[in-house]
C-alpha atoms as a PDB file:
ATOM      1  CA  MET A   1     -68.375  16.627  39.482  1.00  0.00           C
ATOM      2  CA  ASP A   2     -70.408  15.563  36.627  1.00  0.00           C
ATOM      3  CA  ALA A   3     -69.560  12.448  34.167  1.00  0.00           C
ATOM      4  CA  GLY A   4     -68.767  15.285  31.730  1.00  0.00           C
ATOM      5  CA  GLU A   5     -66.142  17.543  33.610  1.00  0.00           C
ATOM      6  CA  ILE A   6     -64.780  14.020  34.491  1.00  0.00           C
ATOM      7  CA  ALA A   7     -64.018  12.758  30.351  1.00  0.00           C
ATOM      8  CA  GLY A   8     -63.039  16.649  30.014  1.00  0.00           C
ATOM      9  CA  LEU A   9     -60.297  16.149  32.745  1.00  0.00           C
ATOM     10  CA  ILE A  10     -59.319  13.070  31.110  1.00  0.00           C
ATOM     11  CA  ALA A  11     -59.112  13.952  27.698  1.00  0.00           C
ATOM     12  CA  ALA A  12     -57.352  16.812  28.833  1.00  0.00           C
ATOM     13  CA  SER A  13     -55.211  14.634  30.708  1.00  0.00           C
ATOM     14  CA  ALA A  14     -54.429  12.481  27.330  1.00  0.00           C
ATOM     15  CA  PHE A  15     -53.444  15.672  25.228  1.00  0.00           C
ATOM     16  CA  LEU A  16     -51.241  16.697  27.926  1.00  0.00           C
ATOM     17  CA  VAL A  17     -49.792  13.386  28.026  1.00  0.00           C
ATOM     18  CA  LEU A  18     -49.690  13.388  23.885  1.00  0.00           C
ATOM     19  CA  VAL A  19     -47.909  16.831  24.134  1.00  0.00           C
ATOM     20  CA  LEU A  20     -44.935  15.727  26.227  1.00  0.00           C
ATOM     21  CA  VAL A  21     -44.592  12.772  24.287  1.00  0.00           C
ATOM     22  CA  LEU A  22     -44.337  14.526  21.479  1.00  0.00           C
ATOM     23  CA  ALA A  23     -42.069  17.319  22.480  1.00  0.00           C
ATOM     24  CA  ILE A  24     -39.056  15.044  23.396  1.00  0.00           C
ATOM     25  CA  PRO A  25     -38.364  14.416  19.723  1.00  0.00           C
ATOM     26  CA  ILE A  26     -39.577  17.828  18.252  1.00  0.00           C
ATOM     27  CA  PHE A  27     -37.388  19.286  20.750  1.00  0.00           C
ATOM     28  CA  LYS A  28     -34.032  16.575  20.009  1.00  0.00           C
ATOM     29  CA  LEU A  29     -35.304  17.266  16.116  1.00  0.00           C
ATOM     30  CA  GLY A  30     -34.600  21.517  16.838  1.00  0.00           C
ATOM     31  CA  ARG A  31     -31.193  20.675  17.957  1.00  0.00           C
ATOM     32  CA  THR A  32     -30.309  18.253  15.056  1.00  0.00           C
ATOM     33  CA  VAL A  33     -31.613  21.138  12.968  1.00  0.00           C
ATOM     34  CA  ASP A  34     -29.255  23.558  14.818  1.00  0.00           C
ATOM     35  CA  ALA A  35     -26.676  21.527  14.432  1.00  0.00           C
ATOM     36  CA  ALA A  36     -26.769  21.022  10.880  1.00  0.00           C
ATOM     37  CA  THR A  37     -27.303  24.943  10.408  1.00  0.00           C
ATOM     38  CA  ARG A  38     -23.706  25.430  12.653  1.00  0.00           C
ATOM     39  CA  ALA A  39     -22.438  22.969   9.919  1.00  0.00           C
ATOM     40  CA  ILE A  40     -23.562  24.695   6.975  1.00  0.00           C
ATOM     41  CA  ASN A  41     -22.159  27.843   8.324  1.00  0.00           C
ATOM     42  CA  ASP A  42     -18.931  26.323   9.072  1.00  0.00           C
ATOM     43  CA  LEU A  43     -18.783  25.037   5.361  1.00  0.00           C
ATOM     44  CA  ASN A  44     -19.876  27.840   4.513  1.00  0.00           C
ATOM     45  CA  GLU A  45     -16.694  30.413   6.272  1.00  0.00           C
ATOM     46  CA  ARG A  46     -14.157  27.009   4.623  1.00  0.00           C
ATOM     47  CA  THR A  47     -15.761  27.042   1.492  1.00  0.00           C
ATOM     48  CA  GLY A  48     -15.115  30.639   0.456  1.00  0.00           C
ATOM     49  CA  PRO A  49     -11.016  30.678   1.559  1.00  0.00           C
ATOM     50  CA  LEU A  50     -11.146  27.586  -0.843  1.00  0.00           C
ATOM     51  CA  LEU A  51     -12.734  28.407  -3.687  1.00  0.00           C
ATOM     52  CA  THR A  52     -10.116  31.501  -4.070  1.00  0.00           C
ATOM     53  CA  ASN A  53      -7.374  29.578  -3.522  1.00  0.00           C
ATOM     54  CA  VAL A  54      -8.913  26.839  -6.333  1.00  0.00           C
ATOM     55  CA  ASN A  55      -9.371  30.157  -8.831  1.00  0.00           C
ATOM     56  CA  GLU A  56      -6.055  31.173  -8.159  1.00  0.00           C
ATOM     57  CA  THR A  57      -4.453  27.298  -8.761  1.00  0.00           C
ATOM     58  CA  VAL A  58      -6.570  27.312 -12.582  1.00  0.00           C
ATOM     59  CA  GLU A  59      -5.409  30.448 -13.126  1.00  0.00           C
ATOM     60  CA  GLY A  60      -1.710  29.593 -12.346  1.00  0.00           C
ATOM     61  CA  VAL A  61      -2.776  25.715 -14.395  1.00  0.00           C
ATOM     62  CA  ASN A  62      -4.007  27.890 -17.170  1.00  0.00           C
ATOM     63  CA  THR A  63      -1.268  29.992 -17.545  1.00  0.00           C
ATOM     64  CA  ALA A  64       1.060  27.042 -17.256  1.00  0.00           C
ATOM     65  CA  LEU A  65      -0.727  25.331 -20.033  1.00  0.00           C
ATOM     66  CA  GLY A  66      -0.015  28.110 -22.239  1.00  0.00           C
ATOM     67  CA  GLN A  67       3.628  27.862 -22.033  1.00  0.00           C
ATOM     68  CA  VAL A  68       3.378  24.209 -22.567  1.00  0.00           C
ATOM     69  CA  GLN A  69       1.593  24.979 -25.521  1.00  0.00           C
ATOM     70  CA  VAL A  70       3.771  27.362 -26.395  1.00  0.00           C
ATOM     71  CA  SER A  71       6.407  25.059 -25.618  1.00  0.00           C
ATOM     72  CA  LEU A  72       5.288  22.066 -27.745  1.00  0.00           C
ATOM     73  CA  ASP A  73       4.644  24.457 -30.770  1.00  0.00           C
ATOM     74  CA  GLY A  74       8.422  24.498 -30.344  1.00  0.00           C
ATOM     75  CA  VAL A  75       8.866  20.420 -30.187  1.00  0.00           C
ATOM     76  CA  ASN A  76       6.398  20.307 -33.396  1.00  0.00           C
ATOM     77  CA  VAL A  77       8.429  22.641 -35.249  1.00  0.00           C
ATOM     78  CA  GLN A  78      11.522  20.229 -33.886  1.00  0.00           C
ATOM     79  CA  LEU A  79       9.971  16.973 -34.795  1.00  0.00           C
ATOM     80  CA  ALA A  80       8.903  18.393 -38.575  1.00  0.00           C
ATOM     81  CA  LYS A  81      13.073  19.640 -38.956  1.00  0.00           C
ATOM     82  CA  VAL A  82      13.931  16.103 -37.431  1.00  0.00           C
ATOM     83  CA  ASP A  83      10.883  14.192 -39.816  1.00  0.00           C
ATOM     84  CA  THR A  84      13.104  15.953 -42.661  1.00  0.00           C
ATOM     85  CA  MET A  85      16.116  15.011 -41.700  1.00  0.00           C
ATOM     86  CA  THR A  86      14.663  10.854 -41.294  1.00  0.00           C
ATOM     87  CA  SER A  87      13.953  11.530 -44.568  1.00  0.00           C
ATOM     88  CA  HIS A  88      16.583  12.727 -46.151  1.00  0.00           C
ATOM     89  CA  ALA A  89      19.045  10.091 -44.408  1.00  0.00           C
ATOM     90  CA  GLN A  90      16.663   6.944 -45.596  1.00  0.00           C
ATOM     91  CA  ASN A  91      16.578   8.645 -49.156  1.00  0.00           C
ATOM     92  CA  VAL A  92      20.694   8.375 -48.626  1.00  0.00           C
ATOM     93  CA  THR A  93      20.077   5.564 -47.225  1.00  0.00           C
ATOM     94  CA  ALA A  94      18.409   4.215 -49.998  1.00  0.00           C
ATOM     95  CA  SER A  95      20.830   5.363 -52.429  1.00  0.00           C
ATOM     96  CA  VAL A  96      24.165   3.573 -50.971  1.00  0.00           C
ATOM     97  CA  ALA A  97      22.176   1.071 -50.559  1.00  0.00           C
ATOM     98  CA  ASN A  98      21.679   0.569 -54.410  1.00  0.00           C
ATOM     99  CA  LEU A  99      24.903   2.500 -55.451  1.00  0.00           C
ATOM    100  CA  ALA A 100      26.019  -1.010 -53.692  1.00  0.00           C
ATOM    101  CA  THR A 101      24.108  -3.320 -55.995  1.00  0.00           C
ATOM    102  CA  VAL A 102      25.406  -1.814 -58.711  1.00  0.00           C
ATOM    103  CA  VAL A 103      29.446  -2.024 -57.544  1.00  0.00           C
ATOM    104  CA  SER A 104      28.660  -5.317 -56.165  1.00  0.00           C
ATOM    105  CA  ALA A 105      27.167  -6.640 -59.531  1.00  0.00           C
ATOM    106  CA  ALA A 106      29.813  -4.796 -61.631  1.00  0.00           C
ATOM    107  CA  ALA A 107      32.445  -6.306 -59.355  1.00  0.00           C
ATOM    108  CA  ALA A 108      31.954  -9.636 -59.149  1.00  0.00           C
ATOM    109  CA  ASN A 109      31.587 -10.683 -63.052  1.00  0.00           C
ATOM    110  CA  PRO A 110      35.038 -10.049 -63.339  1.00  0.00           C
ATOM    111  CA  LEU A 111      36.362 -10.959 -59.859  1.00  0.00           C
ATOM    112  CA  ILE A 112      34.680 -14.790 -60.355  1.00  0.00           C
ATOM    113  CA  LYS A 113      35.774 -14.727 -64.178  1.00  0.00           C
ATOM    114  CA  VAL A 114      39.397 -14.467 -62.733  1.00  0.00           C
ATOM    115  CA  ALA A 115      38.768 -16.520 -59.841  1.00  0.00           C
ATOM    116  CA  SER A 116      37.537 -19.453 -62.522  1.00  0.00           C
ATOM    117  CA  PHE A 117      40.386 -18.668 -64.593  1.00  0.00           C
ATOM    118  CA  GLY A 118      43.221 -18.885 -61.484  1.00  0.00           C
ATOM    119  CA  TYR A 119      41.889 -21.827 -60.321  1.00  0.00           C
ATOM    120  CA  GLY A 120      41.821 -23.506 -64.036  1.00  0.00           C
ATOM    121  CA  LEU A 121      45.228 -22.458 -64.458  1.00  0.00           C
ATOM    122  CA  ARG A 122      46.130 -23.749 -61.109  1.00  0.00           C
ATOM    123  CA  LYS A 123      44.311 -26.842 -62.180  1.00  0.00           C
ATOM    124  CA  ALA A 124      46.066 -27.446 -65.368  1.00  0.00           C
ATOM    125  CA  ALA A 125      49.604 -26.936 -64.078  1.00  0.00           C
ATOM    126  CA  SER A 126      48.743 -29.199 -61.163  1.00  0.00           C
ATOM    127  CA  ALA A 127      47.698 -31.951 -64.231  1.00  0.00           C
ATOM    128  CA  ARG A 128      50.491 -31.375 -66.255  1.00  0.00           C
ATOM    129  CA  ARG A 129      53.051 -31.629 -62.981  1.00  0.00           C
ATOM    130  CA  HIS A 130      51.320 -35.115 -62.645  1.00  0.00           C
ATOM    131  CA  ALA A 131      52.157 -35.803 -66.700  1.00  0.00           C
ATOM    132  CA  GLU A 132      55.073 -34.778 -66.405  1.00  0.00           C
ATOM    133  CA  GLU A 133      55.784 -37.188 -63.094  1.00  0.00           C
ATOM    134  CA  GLU A 134      53.855 -40.354 -64.585  1.00  0.00           C
ATOM    135  CA  ARG A 135      56.126 -39.985 -67.919  1.00  0.00           C
ATOM    136  CA  ASP A 136      59.388 -39.767 -65.094  1.00  0.00           C
ATOM    137  CA  VAL A 137      57.364 -42.817 -63.933  1.00  0.00           C
ATOM    138  CA  ARG A 138      56.582 -45.086 -66.883  1.00  0.00           C
ATOM    139  CA  ALA A 139      59.956 -44.185 -68.232  1.00  0.00           C
ATOM    140  CA  THR A 140      61.794 -45.804 -65.491  1.00  0.00           C
ATOM    141  CA  LEU A 141      59.750 -48.535 -65.768  1.00  0.00           C
ATOM    142  CA  LYS A 142      60.352 -49.185 -69.455  1.00  0.00           C
ATOM    143  CA  GLN A 143      64.197 -49.136 -68.715  1.00  0.00           C
ATOM    144  CA  ARG A 144      64.427 -51.301 -65.764  1.00  0.00           C
ATOM    145  CA  ARG A 145      61.572 -53.791 -67.934  1.00  0.00           C
ATOM    146  CA  LYS A 146      64.491 -53.632 -70.691  1.00  0.00           C
ATOM    147  CA  ALA A 147      67.306 -53.646 -67.867  1.00  0.00           C
ATOM    148  CA  ALA A 148      65.412 -57.217 -66.610  1.00  0.00           C
ATOM    149  CA  ARG A 149      65.138 -58.446 -70.119  1.00  0.00           C
ATOM    150  CA  ALA A 150      68.379 -58.294 -71.676  1.00  0.00           C
ATOM    151  CA  ALA A 151      69.838 -59.678 -67.945  1.00  0.00           C
ATOM    152  CA  ARG A 152      68.338 -62.356 -68.566  1.00  0.00           C
END
């Protein structure tokens, strides 16, 4: 064997070692790709029924939303009626308040006058009674003085 053949043998051995070293990660990568492929296939098998169920659910929700929309339309009609009734009640309340103001203004003036007249009448009667009592007391005192002068 000459030097060229030995160099070729060393180069072939080095290439073989390189191939073996690179084969191990490639082999592991192949297993990883196989596992990923199985996971994707499994996911595809499970996704089909799920999508079918989702479609059925969405259709059910759309049907329910249609019914809710019809119910909401009915509620809106009822709310419009309630709004009308509330407006009428507010008008009636305002009218009653105005009427109460007018009645109280009309009734308050004569009532105040009658109350004032009654107070004045009581005051005058009381003053007259007191005046009569004072006259009686003065007359009595005057008679006592006269009697006391006459007795001296």
